[in-house]
């Protein structure tokens, strides 16, 4: 009996210590008495507020995101408990399914693991009527830009759900999209015709493409833009740290891993980041070895992303200037594309001054003597604006 009382007391002490550690650590950080890293903080992406429900969703989303960030960073026990649950969910579903359902990510897409082929993939949260509606808006957006006389090139990476490899895939939407665009809009689509090629072109644990997939995109983009390519680029893996990408991080599963991949090349350019000078080598491309968190986001860190406005200056006065509107898919190759131009302006609508504002594309092009525009986004964003960048509403 006495032993039971001791165990109960110890249990209560542990539980009390766990829960009180959160506010104490938070207070110490807020007072500046304790430092913490925000490396693993997730930024909430607001949706466009067209009505009161959208506004309410943003309010709730910010609060939820803030709580999850603080719990994850100030409350290490939470990650352990969460991992135990996710492991149970993974192992129990593994007994039943070949395509293992895991959980939804922060964008409402459902994460699956292809057990037989060993990679994660996402499925869209939208049904056909919504996909059709969203595609019509995207087609209208690009055609109206073209009608304004803007020279448009579009590259579409095909994540798993857009390939013919997946059952109930969205591949047919690609032809519908292309066939309804104005004839002088240039479009190139990544061609993936086998599982082995998909696993070579995309990370097993992340929604991004590997450097091999990115280079395939680079060669196609260069052809669209009618510029030569840099030949004989040497591909390598950064094997200093295993990489558990965005989907592995969501379910805290380390059964599959990747390595961040890149090319070896030294190019001479200057760069402005949000109008401010930076080092000539803007993207040092080195894995941070001082991060112990297993699910640390090396993709963002290594490719030095998350900026609204980046300008590469190769000082080639005899060449054109280029505008790239993109998301994180451009980070691996934007500087390679830029090497064929004088100045290349890369705009990411998710960050900095563009996050909640409109982008006057015609004025920007006129001010910076730009004639050509490349849209380089994840395929679902190009076709359906599935992450609600609101191209039609914000790019004028």
Foldseek 3Di string as FASTA:
>chain_A
DVVVVVVVVVVVVVVVVLVVQLVVVVVCVVVVNDDFDQLPQDDDAQFDDPDPVSVVVRVVSVVVSVVVSSCVGRRVVVVVVLLVVQVVQQVVQVVPDQFRWGQADPLRWTWTARNVLQFIATDAPDDDVQLVVLLVLLQVLQQVVVVVVFAEEEEEEQGPLCAPPDPPGPVVLVVVSVVSHPPRYHYDYDDDDDSVVNCQQPPRQARAGAVVVLVVRVCVVCVVVVFDADPDWAKDFDVPAWERYDNCVVSVDDPDTHTHMATDDDAFWWKDFPNHGDDRCQQPQDFDPVDDPNHRHRLCVRLVDATFKMKIANQPVVFAEEEEEEDSNCSRCVVRSCNRGGMYIYGYCCHDPNSNAAAAVVVVCVVVVHRHYYYYYHNCCSRRVSVNSPSVVRYD
